[in-house]
Amino acid sequence: MLFVSSLIQITWFDTSIAVDLPVWSETNNALYQIKLLDNFTSNLDFKFQYLFSVQIACLILRIAVVIQFNQQIGPLLKIVQKMASDFINFITIYIILVVMFSIVGNLNFLFDCPEF
């Protein structure tokens, strides 16, 4: 999975940068560099964050599998895995409370404070 997402990212970025580039020569080197920089900045945006997050998740899972066989850290990883369900329950309750208080805050102060 990590290899596939890396390959997609590299090929997509490489083809996106090479769009509408003039043929490189010594005479139009400045134009080539300006157009390359423009393509680079226009294609480097939030789209890569999704691929980076997939890559980071795959790397964390791979490291967790490798660390699982370590004598000192392996039992700790097992404890954290068993604790994950409790942590998910806590996060769910926390998100529900935050959304509830933000809705109540909007309802209370939306019409009273014009700058809110």
Protein backbone atom coordinates (compact mmCIF):
# COMPACT_ATOMS: atom_id res chain seq x y z
CA MET A 1 0.00 0.00 0.00
CA LEU A 2 2.83 2.37 0.87
CA PHE A 3 4.60 1.63 -2.40
CA VAL A 4 1.45 2.21 -4.44
CA SER A 5 0.64 5.53 -2.77
CA SER A 6 4.25 6.69 -3.18
CA LEU A 7 4.25 5.69 -6.83
CA ILE A 8 0.97 7.51 -7.48
CA GLN A 9 2.25 10.59 -5.73
CA ILE A 10 5.55 10.72 -7.60
CA THR A 11 4.13 10.06 -11.06
CA TRP A 12 1.21 12.45 -10.62
CA PHE A 13 3.46 15.22 -9.33
CA ASP A 14 6.02 14.62 -12.09
CA THR A 15 3.42 14.77 -14.86
CA SER A 16 1.70 17.80 -13.31
CA ILE A 17 4.92 19.78 -13.19
CA ALA A 18 5.82 19.00 -16.81
CA VAL A 19 2.60 20.46 -18.26
CA ASP A 20 3.12 23.32 -20.78
CA LEU A 21 6.86 23.55 -20.22
CA PRO A 22 8.84 25.03 -23.09
CA VAL A 23 11.76 23.07 -24.52
CA TRP A 24 14.80 23.78 -22.43
CA SER A 25 17.71 25.57 -24.02
CA GLU A 26 20.36 28.04 -22.90
CA THR A 27 18.48 30.98 -24.41
CA ASN A 28 15.16 30.43 -22.65
CA ASN A 29 16.52 29.04 -19.39
CA ALA A 30 14.88 31.82 -17.32
CA LEU A 31 11.49 31.24 -18.96
CA TYR A 32 11.82 27.50 -18.38
CA GLN A 33 12.65 27.99 -14.70
CA ILE A 34 9.81 30.48 -14.17
CA LYS A 35 7.27 28.16 -15.81
CA LEU A 36 8.62 25.18 -13.83
CA LEU A 37 8.32 27.11 -10.58
CA ASP A 38 4.79 28.22 -11.50
CA ASN A 39 3.75 24.63 -12.23
CA PHE A 40 5.37 23.49 -9.00
CA THR A 41 3.53 26.03 -6.84
CA SER A 42 0.19 25.49 -8.56
CA ASN A 43 0.34 21.70 -8.12
CA LEU A 44 1.71 21.59 -4.60
CA ASP A 45 -1.39 22.01 -2.46
CA PHE A 46 -3.55 20.06 -0.05
CA LYS A 47 -4.05 17.12 -2.43
CA PHE A 48 -0.78 15.61 -1.27
CA GLN A 49 -1.82 15.70 2.38
CA TYR A 50 -4.16 12.77 1.81
CA LEU A 51 -1.43 10.66 0.25
CA PHE A 52 1.00 11.67 2.99
CA SER A 53 -1.51 10.62 5.65
CA VAL A 54 -1.91 7.20 3.99
CA GLN A 55 1.86 6.82 3.88
CA ILE A 56 2.26 7.82 7.52
CA ALA A 57 -0.49 5.41 8.61
CA CYS A 58 1.18 2.57 6.70
CA LEU A 59 4.55 3.38 8.24
CA ILE A 60 3.11 3.50 11.76
CA LEU A 61 1.43 0.11 11.26
CA ARG A 62 4.65 -1.35 9.87
CA ILE A 63 6.66 -0.02 12.82
CA ALA A 64 4.05 -1.37 15.24
CA VAL A 65 4.40 -4.85 13.73
CA VAL A 66 8.18 -4.71 13.98
CA ILE A 67 8.16 -3.35 17.55
CA GLN A 68 5.71 -6.06 18.59
CA PHE A 69 8.55 -8.57 18.71
CA ASN A 70 10.78 -6.42 20.91
CA GLN A 71 11.18 -7.77 24.43
CA GLN A 72 10.74 -4.45 26.27
CA ILE A 73 8.27 -2.61 24.05
CA GLY A 74 6.19 -5.54 22.81
CA PRO A 75 4.06 -5.92 25.98
CA LEU A 76 3.49 -2.17 26.07
CA LEU A 77 2.17 -2.28 22.52
CA LYS A 78 -0.25 -5.07 23.48
CA ILE A 79 -1.51 -2.95 26.41
CA VAL A 80 -2.02 0.06 24.12
CA GLN A 81 -3.93 -2.10 21.62
CA LYS A 82 -6.28 -3.31 24.35
CA MET A 83 -6.72 0.27 25.56
CA ALA A 84 -7.69 1.53 22.07
CA SER A 85 -11.40 0.76 22.51
CA ASP A 86 -11.53 2.79 25.74
CA PHE A 87 -9.73 5.65 24.01
CA ILE A 88 -12.19 5.59 21.11
CA ASN A 89 -15.09 5.73 23.57
CA PHE A 90 -13.50 8.72 25.30
CA ILE A 91 -12.91 10.56 22.01
CA THR A 92 -16.51 9.90 20.93
CA ILE A 93 -17.93 11.33 24.15
CA TYR A 94 -15.54 14.29 23.96
CA ILE A 95 -16.56 15.12 20.38
CA ILE A 96 -20.25 14.89 21.28
CA LEU A 97 -19.75 17.30 24.20
CA VAL A 98 -17.70 19.77 22.16
CA VAL A 99 -20.28 19.82 19.35
CA MET A 100 -23.10 20.19 21.86
CA PHE A 101 -21.46 23.16 23.61
CA SER A 102 -20.58 24.82 20.31
CA ILE A 103 -24.20 24.53 19.11
CA VAL A 104 -25.52 25.91 22.40
CA GLY A 105 -22.97 28.75 22.27
CA ASN A 106 -24.02 29.62 18.74
CA LEU A 107 -27.70 29.59 19.68
CA ASN A 108 -27.11 31.76 22.77
CA PHE A 109 -24.78 34.37 21.30
CA LEU A 110 -25.55 34.42 17.59
CA PHE A 111 -28.38 36.93 17.78
CA ASP A 112 -27.16 38.88 20.83
CA CYS A 113 -23.64 39.75 19.64
CA PRO A 114 -23.47 41.13 16.10
CA GLU A 115 -19.69 40.58 15.95
CA PHE A 116 -20.05 36.91 16.95
